[in-house]
N, C-alpha and C. Protein backbone atom coordinates (compact mmCIF):
# COMPACT_ATOMS: atom_id res chain seq x y z
N MET A 1 130.41 4.76 36.56
CA MET A 1 130.21 4.97 37.79
C MET A 1 128.92 5.74 38.39
N VAL A 2 127.66 4.81 38.89
CA VAL A 2 126.41 4.76 39.50
C VAL A 2 127.13 6.07 40.61
N ASP A 3 125.87 7.15 40.77
CA ASP A 3 125.55 8.15 41.89
C ASP A 3 124.87 6.87 42.40
N THR A 4 125.31 6.67 43.85
CA THR A 4 124.29 6.51 44.81
C THR A 4 123.70 7.47 45.52
N GLY A 5 124.23 8.78 45.58
CA GLY A 5 123.33 10.13 46.62
C GLY A 5 123.98 9.73 47.34
N SER A 6 125.79 9.38 47.67
CA SER A 6 126.07 9.97 48.85
C SER A 6 126.87 10.80 48.86
N GLY A 7 126.87 11.41 47.92
CA GLY A 7 127.59 13.20 47.54
C GLY A 7 129.23 13.32 47.89
N SER A 8 129.88 12.06 47.45
CA SER A 8 130.72 11.81 47.05
C SER A 8 130.92 11.72 45.54
N VAL A 9 132.25 12.56 45.75
CA VAL A 9 133.12 13.01 44.28
C VAL A 9 133.77 11.42 43.67
N PRO A 10 133.59 10.98 42.90
CA PRO A 10 134.21 10.08 42.76
C PRO A 10 135.88 10.12 42.20
N ALA A 11 137.09 9.53 42.91
CA ALA A 11 138.43 10.24 42.32
C ALA A 11 139.17 10.24 41.31
N ALA A 12 139.94 11.30 41.01
CA ALA A 12 140.58 11.14 39.44
C ALA A 12 141.21 10.29 39.19
N PRO A 13 140.97 9.08 37.44
CA PRO A 13 142.02 8.68 37.74
C PRO A 13 143.32 8.55 37.51
N ARG A 14 144.20 7.40 38.21
CA ARG A 14 145.31 7.81 38.51
C ARG A 14 146.00 7.74 37.13
N LYS A 15 147.12 8.63 36.72
CA LYS A 15 148.30 7.72 35.57
C LYS A 15 148.96 6.38 35.28
N ARG A 16 149.16 5.99 34.37
CA ARG A 16 149.54 4.55 34.30
C ARG A 16 151.29 4.93 34.83
N ALA A 17 151.79 3.60 35.26
CA ALA A 17 152.93 4.50 35.79
C ALA A 17 154.23 5.11 34.53
N ASP A 18 153.83 4.37 33.40
CA ASP A 18 154.70 4.91 32.31
C ASP A 18 154.01 6.25 31.70
N ALA A 19 153.23 6.64 32.01
CA ALA A 19 152.58 8.03 31.75
C ALA A 19 153.42 8.86 32.80
N ARG A 20 153.41 8.86 34.02
CA ARG A 20 154.19 9.43 35.08
C ARG A 20 155.41 9.71 34.86
N ARG A 21 156.22 8.53 33.77
CA ARG A 21 157.74 8.32 34.20
C ARG A 21 157.59 9.33 32.54
N ASN A 22 157.49 9.28 32.01
CA ASN A 22 156.95 10.10 30.79
C ASN A 22 157.07 11.69 31.20
N GLU A 23 155.47 11.99 32.03
CA GLU A 23 155.95 13.35 32.04
C GLU A 23 156.68 13.71 32.80
N GLN A 24 157.16 12.90 34.33
CA GLN A 24 158.52 13.31 34.24
C GLN A 24 159.81 13.69 33.76
N THR A 25 159.68 13.08 32.94
CA THR A 25 161.31 12.74 31.67
C THR A 25 161.03 14.50 31.37
N LEU A 26 159.49 14.25 30.81
CA LEU A 26 159.58 15.71 29.98
C LEU A 26 159.27 16.94 30.75
N LEU A 27 159.13 16.70 32.15
CA LEU A 27 159.20 17.71 33.11
C LEU A 27 160.57 17.85 33.49
N ASP A 28 161.36 17.17 33.70
CA ASP A 28 163.12 17.23 33.81
C ASP A 28 163.93 17.36 32.33
N ALA A 29 163.58 17.77 31.97
CA ALA A 29 163.66 18.03 30.54
C ALA A 29 163.81 19.52 30.05
N ALA A 30 162.35 19.87 30.41
CA ALA A 30 162.09 21.11 30.29
C ALA A 30 162.58 22.14 31.29
N ALA A 31 162.99 21.57 32.82
CA ALA A 31 163.21 22.33 33.70
C ALA A 31 164.95 22.83 33.58
N ALA A 32 165.27 22.31 32.79
CA ALA A 32 166.91 21.50 32.09
C ALA A 32 166.94 22.59 30.42
N ALA A 33 166.37 22.78 30.05
CA ALA A 33 165.75 23.68 28.96
C ALA A 33 165.76 25.36 29.56
N PHE A 34 164.71 25.31 30.32
CA PHE A 34 164.42 26.63 30.98
C PHE A 34 166.11 27.25 31.68
N VAL A 35 166.78 26.60 32.69
CA VAL A 35 168.08 26.75 32.70
C VAL A 35 168.95 27.03 31.77
N ALA A 36 168.98 26.67 30.52
CA ALA A 36 169.74 26.93 29.74
C ALA A 36 169.29 28.02 29.12
N SER A 37 168.49 28.01 28.46
CA SER A 37 167.61 29.37 27.68
C SER A 37 166.36 30.30 28.24
N GLY A 38 165.96 29.79 29.23
CA GLY A 38 164.80 30.63 30.33
C GLY A 38 163.39 30.17 29.37
N VAL A 39 162.63 30.37 29.76
CA VAL A 39 160.88 30.08 29.72
C VAL A 39 160.45 30.10 28.13
N ASP A 40 161.35 30.77 28.28
CA ASP A 40 160.83 30.56 25.98
C ASP A 40 161.78 29.56 25.43
N ALA A 41 162.52 28.72 25.89
CA ALA A 41 163.21 27.94 25.10
C ALA A 41 162.29 26.89 24.48
N PRO A 42 162.60 26.78 23.05
CA PRO A 42 161.48 26.09 21.84
C PRO A 42 160.90 25.03 22.78
N VAL A 43 159.26 24.48 22.24
CA VAL A 43 159.60 23.26 22.62
C VAL A 43 160.02 22.31 21.95
N ARG A 44 160.46 22.59 20.97
CA ARG A 44 161.18 21.44 19.82
C ARG A 44 162.69 21.04 20.85
N ASP A 45 162.97 22.05 21.61
CA ASP A 45 164.42 21.63 22.07
C ASP A 45 164.07 20.80 23.24
N ILE A 46 163.01 21.13 24.38
CA ILE A 46 162.36 20.63 25.12
C ILE A 46 162.45 18.52 24.86
N ALA A 47 161.73 19.03 23.40
CA ALA A 47 161.06 17.46 22.85
C ALA A 47 162.23 16.74 22.98
N ALA A 48 163.27 17.13 22.12
CA ALA A 48 164.78 16.57 21.93
C ALA A 48 164.72 16.50 23.03
N ARG A 49 165.40 17.01 24.54
CA ARG A 49 166.29 16.26 25.24
C ARG A 49 165.29 15.59 26.02
N ALA A 50 163.96 15.69 26.14
CA ALA A 50 163.29 14.50 26.62
C ALA A 50 163.24 12.80 25.72
N GLY A 51 163.78 13.13 24.42
CA GLY A 51 163.47 12.56 23.47
C GLY A 51 162.12 12.00 22.67
N VAL A 52 161.42 12.52 22.83
CA VAL A 52 159.97 12.20 22.47
C VAL A 52 159.50 13.68 21.24
N GLY A 53 158.51 13.60 20.86
CA GLY A 53 158.25 14.14 19.21
C GLY A 53 157.61 15.55 20.68
N VAL A 54 157.30 16.80 19.87
CA VAL A 54 156.75 17.64 20.09
C VAL A 54 155.33 17.31 20.75
N ALA A 55 153.99 16.69 19.44
CA ALA A 55 153.02 16.08 19.88
C ALA A 55 152.85 15.60 20.87
N THR A 56 154.22 15.17 21.22
CA THR A 56 154.13 14.26 23.08
C THR A 56 153.74 15.09 24.17
N ILE A 57 154.58 16.50 23.68
CA ILE A 57 154.83 17.54 25.03
C ILE A 57 153.38 18.37 24.67
N TYR A 58 152.79 18.73 23.78
CA TYR A 58 152.00 19.18 23.91
C TYR A 58 150.56 17.97 24.29
N ARG A 59 150.22 17.03 24.15
CA ARG A 59 149.70 16.19 24.52
C ARG A 59 149.67 15.97 25.79
N HIS A 60 150.60 16.23 27.02
CA HIS A 60 150.37 16.77 28.50
C HIS A 60 150.12 17.42 28.89
N PHE A 61 150.93 19.15 28.01
CA PHE A 61 151.06 20.31 28.10
C PHE A 61 150.73 20.82 27.11
N PRO A 62 148.95 21.19 26.87
CA PRO A 62 148.36 21.92 25.74
C PRO A 62 149.30 23.45 25.49
N THR A 63 149.67 24.06 26.49
CA THR A 63 150.18 25.15 26.19
C THR A 63 151.50 25.23 26.77
N ARG A 64 152.08 26.38 26.31
CA ARG A 64 153.62 26.85 27.70
C ARG A 64 153.11 26.98 29.00
N ALA A 65 152.26 27.64 29.12
CA ALA A 65 151.57 28.54 30.59
C ALA A 65 151.62 26.88 31.53
N ASP A 66 150.84 26.03 30.76
CA ASP A 66 150.66 24.74 31.49
C ASP A 66 152.11 23.96 31.43
N LEU A 67 152.83 23.97 30.25
CA LEU A 67 154.45 23.06 31.01
C LEU A 67 154.97 24.35 31.95
N VAL A 68 154.95 25.42 32.05
CA VAL A 68 155.44 26.25 32.71
C VAL A 68 155.37 26.01 34.29
N VAL A 69 154.16 26.25 34.23
CA VAL A 69 153.55 25.63 36.12
C VAL A 69 153.81 24.36 36.12
N ALA A 70 153.86 23.47 35.37
CA ALA A 70 154.01 22.36 35.85
C ALA A 70 155.56 21.75 36.28
N VAL A 71 155.95 22.63 35.43
CA VAL A 71 157.64 22.44 35.93
C VAL A 71 157.92 23.07 37.39
N TYR A 72 157.65 24.16 37.51
CA TYR A 72 157.46 25.08 38.66
C TYR A 72 157.04 23.50 40.08
N ARG A 73 155.81 23.58 39.78
CA ARG A 73 154.98 22.76 40.74
C ARG A 73 156.02 21.45 41.17
N HIS A 74 156.65 21.06 40.19
CA HIS A 74 157.37 20.06 40.00
C HIS A 74 158.49 19.83 40.80
N GLN A 75 159.61 21.31 40.65
CA GLN A 75 160.48 21.67 41.29
C GLN A 75 159.95 21.79 42.60
N VAL A 76 158.68 22.43 43.14
CA VAL A 76 158.51 22.70 44.38
C VAL A 76 158.59 21.68 44.91
N GLU A 77 157.68 20.12 44.36
CA GLU A 77 157.32 19.06 45.36
C GLU A 77 158.89 18.55 45.75
N ALA A 78 159.07 18.96 44.44
CA ALA A 78 161.13 17.89 44.66
C ALA A 78 161.84 18.87 46.15
N CYS A 79 161.82 19.77 46.00
CA CYS A 79 162.36 20.70 47.34
C CYS A 79 161.79 20.36 48.15
N ALA A 80 160.66 20.47 48.49
CA ALA A 80 159.68 19.91 49.88
C ALA A 80 159.88 18.89 50.02
N GLU A 81 159.77 18.03 49.05
CA GLU A 81 159.46 16.26 50.03
C GLU A 81 161.05 15.60 50.13
N ALA A 82 162.52 16.76 49.68
CA ALA A 82 163.82 16.45 49.84
C ALA A 82 163.99 16.61 51.42
N GLY A 83 163.07 17.79 52.35
CA GLY A 83 163.53 18.33 53.53
C GLY A 83 163.54 16.76 54.36
N PRO A 84 162.45 16.52 54.70
CA PRO A 84 162.44 15.46 55.58
C PRO A 84 163.11 14.03 55.38
N ALA A 85 163.45 13.14 53.86
CA ALA A 85 163.84 12.98 53.77
C ALA A 85 165.70 13.13 54.75
N LEU A 86 165.84 14.39 53.92
CA LEU A 86 167.39 15.24 54.31
C LEU A 86 167.49 14.90 55.84
N LEU A 87 166.62 14.89 56.49
CA LEU A 87 166.84 15.77 57.83
C LEU A 87 166.69 13.80 58.65
N ALA A 88 166.15 12.73 57.67
CA ALA A 88 166.11 11.35 58.56
C ALA A 88 167.44 10.41 58.21
N SER A 89 168.32 11.63 57.09
CA SER A 89 169.16 10.59 56.37
C SER A 89 170.88 11.27 56.90
N ALA A 90 170.66 12.80 57.08
CA ALA A 90 171.69 13.55 57.48
C ALA A 90 172.95 13.30 58.54
N ARG A 91 173.79 13.43 58.53
CA ARG A 91 174.86 13.04 59.95
C ARG A 91 174.79 14.34 60.49
N SER A 92 173.79 15.40 60.53
CA SER A 92 173.71 16.39 61.76
C SER A 92 172.31 17.25 60.75
N ALA A 93 171.62 17.71 62.05
CA ALA A 93 170.60 18.72 61.64
C ALA A 93 171.02 20.30 60.50
N TYR A 94 171.99 20.30 60.77
CA TYR A 94 172.87 21.37 60.13
C TYR A 94 173.44 20.95 58.49
N ALA A 95 173.50 19.96 58.66
CA ALA A 95 174.18 19.21 57.08
C ALA A 95 172.92 18.71 56.14
N ALA A 96 171.18 18.63 56.88
CA ALA A 96 170.30 18.81 56.60
C ALA A 96 170.01 19.72 56.04
N LEU A 97 169.97 20.82 56.81
CA LEU A 97 169.64 22.07 56.13
C LEU A 97 170.58 22.71 55.14
N ALA A 98 172.23 22.64 55.39
CA ALA A 98 172.78 22.94 54.57
C ALA A 98 172.66 22.50 52.58
N GLU A 99 171.84 20.83 52.93
CA GLU A 99 171.83 20.27 51.93
C GLU A 99 170.58 20.92 50.94
N TRP A 100 169.43 20.64 52.34
CA TRP A 100 167.84 21.56 51.41
C TRP A 100 168.35 22.51 50.61
N ILE A 101 169.12 23.59 51.37
CA ILE A 101 169.90 25.31 50.79
C ILE A 101 170.20 25.05 49.31
N ASP A 102 171.10 23.74 49.43
CA ASP A 102 171.77 23.76 48.16
C ASP A 102 170.71 23.44 46.74
N LEU A 103 169.87 22.40 47.71
CA LEU A 103 168.54 21.66 46.65
C LEU A 103 168.13 23.47 46.15
N PHE A 104 167.35 23.94 47.12
CA PHE A 104 167.11 25.15 47.30
C PHE A 104 167.57 26.48 46.02
N VAL A 105 168.86 26.44 46.00
CA VAL A 105 169.47 26.91 45.32
C VAL A 105 169.22 26.56 43.50
N ASP A 106 169.46 25.26 43.65
CA ASP A 106 169.14 24.88 42.33
C ASP A 106 168.10 25.10 41.73
N PHE A 107 166.62 25.22 42.57
CA PHE A 107 165.41 25.52 42.48
C PHE A 107 165.15 26.82 42.09
N LEU A 108 166.08 27.88 42.35
CA LEU A 108 165.48 29.09 42.18
C LEU A 108 166.52 29.20 40.65
N VAL A 109 167.56 28.36 40.59
CA VAL A 109 167.95 28.73 39.07
C VAL A 109 167.40 27.80 37.78
N THR A 110 167.16 27.31 38.74
CA THR A 110 166.27 26.59 37.80
C THR A 110 164.72 27.40 37.05
N LYS A 111 164.26 28.29 38.20
CA LYS A 111 163.21 29.05 37.31
C LYS A 111 164.00 30.19 37.18
N HIS A 112 164.79 30.02 36.44
CA HIS A 112 165.58 31.53 35.80
C HIS A 112 164.65 31.87 34.43
N GLY A 113 164.35 32.87 33.90
CA GLY A 113 163.63 33.77 33.85
C GLY A 113 161.96 33.97 33.42
N LEU A 114 161.47 33.09 34.93
CA LEU A 114 160.01 32.27 35.85
C LEU A 114 159.70 34.06 36.02
N ALA A 115 160.52 34.31 36.58
CA ALA A 115 160.17 35.83 37.41
C ALA A 115 159.24 36.34 36.34
N ALA A 116 159.67 36.75 35.40
CA ALA A 116 158.45 37.48 34.21
C ALA A 116 157.32 36.94 34.18
N ALA A 117 157.39 35.66 33.79
CA ALA A 117 156.11 34.73 33.92
C ALA A 117 155.05 35.03 35.03
N LEU A 118 156.18 34.90 35.73
CA LEU A 118 155.08 34.79 37.42
C LEU A 118 154.43 35.91 37.90
N HIS A 119 155.07 37.34 36.70
CA HIS A 119 154.45 38.54 36.96
C HIS A 119 153.86 38.92 35.78
N SER A 120 153.08 38.59 34.58
CA SER A 120 152.72 38.24 34.25
C SER A 120 151.04 38.48 34.28
N ASP A 121 150.15 38.96 33.50
CA ASP A 121 148.92 39.17 33.43
C ASP A 121 148.21 37.78 33.30
N ASP A 122 148.80 36.72 32.85
CA ASP A 122 148.60 35.32 32.79
C ASP A 122 147.44 34.46 33.98
N GLU A 123 146.84 34.03 33.68
CA GLU A 123 145.52 33.34 35.28
C GLU A 123 146.84 32.13 35.98
N ALA A 124 147.25 31.65 34.34
CA ALA A 124 147.79 29.96 34.91
C ALA A 124 148.95 30.19 36.01
N PHE A 125 149.67 31.47 35.89
CA PHE A 125 150.50 32.05 37.11
C PHE A 125 150.30 32.43 38.48
N ALA A 126 148.79 32.83 38.33
CA ALA A 126 147.89 33.67 39.72
C ALA A 126 148.36 32.89 41.01
N GLY A 127 148.48 31.40 40.93
CA GLY A 127 148.79 30.97 42.87
C GLY A 127 149.96 30.84 42.56
N LEU A 128 150.89 30.90 42.14
CA LEU A 128 152.02 29.68 42.02
C LEU A 128 153.43 30.28 43.12
N HIS A 129 153.11 32.11 43.24
CA HIS A 129 153.78 31.91 44.29
C HIS A 129 153.36 31.34 46.06
N ALA A 130 152.07 31.65 45.72
CA ALA A 130 151.46 31.65 47.70
C ALA A 130 151.96 30.02 47.41
N TYR A 131 151.66 29.22 46.11
CA TYR A 131 151.85 27.72 46.47
C TYR A 131 153.50 27.58 46.95
N PHE A 132 154.46 28.27 46.19
CA PHE A 132 155.83 28.47 46.88
C PHE A 132 156.02 28.37 48.11
N ILE A 133 155.41 29.50 48.62
CA ILE A 133 155.51 30.19 50.05
C ILE A 133 154.77 28.60 50.98
N ASP A 134 153.66 28.39 50.58
CA ASP A 134 153.03 27.40 51.72
C ASP A 134 153.35 25.53 51.56
N ARG A 135 154.65 25.40 49.91
CA ARG A 135 154.81 24.07 50.59
C ARG A 135 155.80 24.19 51.28
N LEU A 136 157.13 25.56 50.94
CA LEU A 136 158.20 25.49 51.34
C LEU A 136 158.86 25.82 52.68
N VAL A 137 158.60 27.02 53.08
CA VAL A 137 158.33 27.66 53.95
C VAL A 137 158.31 26.64 55.37
N PRO A 138 157.24 25.43 55.64
CA PRO A 138 157.25 24.77 56.59
C PRO A 138 158.95 23.97 56.50
N VAL A 139 158.75 23.78 55.45
CA VAL A 139 160.22 22.79 55.61
C VAL A 139 161.44 23.17 55.89
N CYS A 140 161.43 24.05 55.71
CA CYS A 140 162.80 25.45 56.13
C CYS A 140 162.76 25.56 57.30
N ALA A 141 161.19 26.04 58.24
CA ALA A 141 161.36 25.52 59.04
C ALA A 141 161.45 24.46 60.48
N GLU A 142 160.81 23.79 59.63
CA GLU A 142 161.12 22.46 60.35
C GLU A 142 162.96 21.84 60.78
N LEU A 143 163.58 22.00 58.98
CA LEU A 143 164.78 22.03 58.72
C LEU A 143 166.09 22.90 60.32
N LEU A 144 165.55 24.21 60.08
CA LEU A 144 165.76 25.29 61.06
C LEU A 144 165.56 24.89 62.24
N ASP A 145 164.54 24.22 62.78
CA ASP A 145 164.16 23.65 63.98
C ASP A 145 164.74 23.14 64.58
N ALA A 146 165.44 21.85 63.82
CA ALA A 146 165.87 21.19 63.83
C ALA A 146 167.40 21.04 64.10
N ALA A 147 168.09 21.69 63.43
CA ALA A 147 168.99 23.07 63.64
C ALA A 147 169.36 23.33 65.16
N VAL A 148 168.59 24.28 65.42
CA VAL A 148 168.53 24.93 66.50
C VAL A 148 168.49 23.67 67.73
N ALA A 149 167.58 22.92 67.51
CA ALA A 149 167.22 22.09 68.84
C ALA A 149 168.15 21.43 69.05
N ALA A 150 169.31 21.32 67.79
CA ALA A 150 170.73 20.37 68.19
C ALA A 150 171.72 21.04 68.35
N GLY A 151 171.49 22.38 68.95
CA GLY A 151 172.57 23.77 68.94
C GLY A 151 173.07 24.03 68.01
N GLU A 152 173.48 23.65 66.56
CA GLU A 152 174.04 23.65 65.75
C GLU A 152 173.86 25.13 64.99
N VAL A 153 172.69 25.70 64.98
CA VAL A 153 172.41 27.18 64.37
C VAL A 153 171.52 27.82 65.63
N ARG A 154 171.93 28.78 65.58
CA ARG A 154 171.80 29.92 66.38
C ARG A 154 169.75 30.26 66.76
N SER A 155 169.49 30.53 67.95
CA SER A 155 167.41 30.57 67.88
C SER A 155 166.90 32.50 66.95
N GLY A 156 165.92 32.31 66.56
CA GLY A 156 165.20 33.77 66.13
C GLY A 156 165.53 33.97 64.32
N ILE A 157 166.44 33.04 63.97
CA ILE A 157 165.83 32.64 62.59
C ILE A 157 165.10 31.98 61.68
N GLU A 158 164.53 33.47 61.08
CA GLU A 158 162.77 32.65 60.96
C GLU A 158 163.16 31.93 59.26
N ALA A 159 162.41 31.03 58.79
CA ALA A 159 162.50 30.74 57.50
C ALA A 159 162.54 31.35 56.59
N LEU A 160 161.04 31.63 56.43
CA LEU A 160 161.16 32.99 55.17
C LEU A 160 162.26 33.92 55.27
N GLU A 161 163.23 34.23 55.83
CA GLU A 161 163.84 34.92 55.91
C GLU A 161 165.27 34.74 55.58
N LEU A 162 165.26 33.69 55.81
CA LEU A 162 166.84 32.96 55.56
C LEU A 162 166.00 32.87 53.66
N MET A 163 165.16 31.62 53.55
CA MET A 163 164.64 31.97 51.86
C MET A 163 165.21 33.52 51.14
N HIS A 164 164.53 34.18 51.71
CA HIS A 164 164.59 35.57 51.02
C HIS A 164 166.07 35.93 50.66
N GLY A 165 167.66 35.44 51.94
CA GLY A 165 168.84 35.93 52.00
C GLY A 165 169.10 34.79 50.75
N VAL A 166 168.64 33.75 51.13
CA VAL A 166 169.18 33.43 49.47
C VAL A 166 169.06 33.20 48.66
N GLY A 167 168.06 33.53 48.29
CA GLY A 167 167.12 33.80 46.75
C GLY A 167 167.82 35.04 46.45
N ASN A 168 167.94 36.38 47.67
CA ASN A 168 168.60 37.59 46.94
C ASN A 168 170.48 37.07 47.04
N LEU A 169 170.65 36.27 46.38
CA LEU A 169 172.10 36.02 46.99
C LEU A 169 172.40 35.54 45.19
N CYS A 170 171.10 34.56 44.83
CA CYS A 170 171.51 33.93 44.11
C CYS A 170 170.97 34.99 42.33
N ILE A 171 170.17 36.35 42.91
CA ILE A 171 170.14 37.06 41.78
C ILE A 171 171.23 37.24 40.36
N GLY A 172 172.07 37.39 41.37
CA GLY A 172 173.48 37.55 40.71
C GLY A 172 173.72 36.72 39.37
N ALA A 173 173.02 35.63 39.75
CA ALA A 173 173.94 34.19 39.03
C ALA A 173 173.28 34.57 38.06
N GLY A 174 174.38 33.88 36.85
CA GLY A 174 173.95 34.15 35.49
C GLY A 174 174.04 35.51 34.64
N LYS A 175 174.36 36.38 35.01
CA LYS A 175 174.67 38.02 34.81
C LYS A 175 176.53 38.36 34.60
N ASP A 176 176.47 37.57 35.89
CA ASP A 176 178.19 38.23 35.81
C ASP A 176 178.86 36.37 35.92
N SER A 177 179.85 36.22 35.06
CA SER A 177 180.44 34.55 35.37
C SER A 177 181.32 34.54 36.29
N GLY A 178 181.60 35.41 37.20
CA GLY A 178 182.63 35.82 38.48
C GLY A 178 182.15 35.14 39.62
N TYR A 179 180.85 35.73 39.74
CA TYR A 179 179.43 35.30 40.57
C TYR A 179 179.06 34.10 40.76
N ASP A 180 179.71 33.89 42.11
CA ASP A 180 179.28 32.20 42.63
C ASP A 180 178.14 32.20 44.01
N PRO A 181 176.84 32.75 43.67
CA PRO A 181 176.10 32.67 44.40
C PRO A 181 176.30 31.69 45.64
N ARG A 182 176.90 30.35 45.44
CA ARG A 182 176.90 28.88 46.69
C ARG A 182 178.20 29.59 47.42
N ARG A 183 179.37 30.54 46.85
CA ARG A 183 179.88 30.91 48.32
C ARG A 183 179.70 31.42 49.01
N LEU A 184 178.68 32.64 48.29
CA LEU A 184 178.13 33.38 49.49
C LEU A 184 177.14 32.92 50.45
N ILE A 185 176.46 31.81 49.70
CA ILE A 185 175.33 31.48 50.62
C ILE A 185 176.19 30.32 52.04
N ASP A 186 177.33 29.75 51.33
CA ASP A 186 178.21 28.97 52.68
C ASP A 186 178.14 29.86 53.68
N LEU A 187 178.63 31.05 53.29
CA LEU A 187 179.13 32.04 54.41
C LEU A 187 178.06 32.56 55.31
N LEU A 188 176.70 32.84 54.22
CA LEU A 188 175.53 32.98 55.32
C LEU A 188 175.36 31.71 56.11
N LEU A 189 175.08 30.67 55.50
CA LEU A 189 174.76 29.75 56.49
C LEU A 189 175.70 29.30 57.52
N GLY A 190 177.28 29.87 57.12
CA GLY A 190 178.03 29.33 58.50
C GLY A 190 177.73 31.06 59.04
N GLY A 191 177.28 31.80 59.04
CA GLY A 191 176.83 32.71 60.00
C GLY A 191 175.23 32.50 60.91
N LEU A 192 174.84 31.78 60.57
CA LEU A 192 174.04 31.02 61.44
C LEU A 192 174.37 29.90 62.83
N CYS A 193 175.77 29.56 62.60
CA CYS A 193 176.25 28.54 63.74
C CYS A 193 176.43 29.69 65.06
N PRO A 194 175.92 28.95 66.20
CA PRO A 194 176.23 30.20 66.97
C PRO A 194 177.86 30.13 67.36
N ARG A 195 177.94 31.36 67.98
CA ARG A 195 179.54 31.97 68.43
C ARG A 195 180.19 31.06 69.65
């Protein structure tokens, strides 16, 4: 590309469709492995889940931190993109909110073991919490606002407050086989409804 002096930066080359699909498959496999074994899951297990060789994973993600960050961002983006789609297709704003919270719980379970990595000194993880907040709080707020406007949820509930409540209910998942956070989250969501 010839610099014409316009000061514009050339766009990054887009990945081929098959390369994007391969990366998607790797991220899904890594997320499943993280749920089963935490973020220290062996790369060979992730490769086996994805049906690829270990070298393919390292070609896409040279370090474990790169893979963990990519899975985290992938999950955040999926959750963020689901909000407007659910709002457009669900039978009610409350139903969209409940379905989104269910996806949010899936995300929280996926990041099992990620908390320790996020609090490590590795620079790769430095901005992930802010990224999470910036992407997901507005989505939750949009869903809450729609449910309030429809009269299905009482006003005065903040999105971040609801997300903290859901997150805190998920903490016990995996530690006690008799603990079902989704049951308690259903109770929490029921408590949002007008009396």
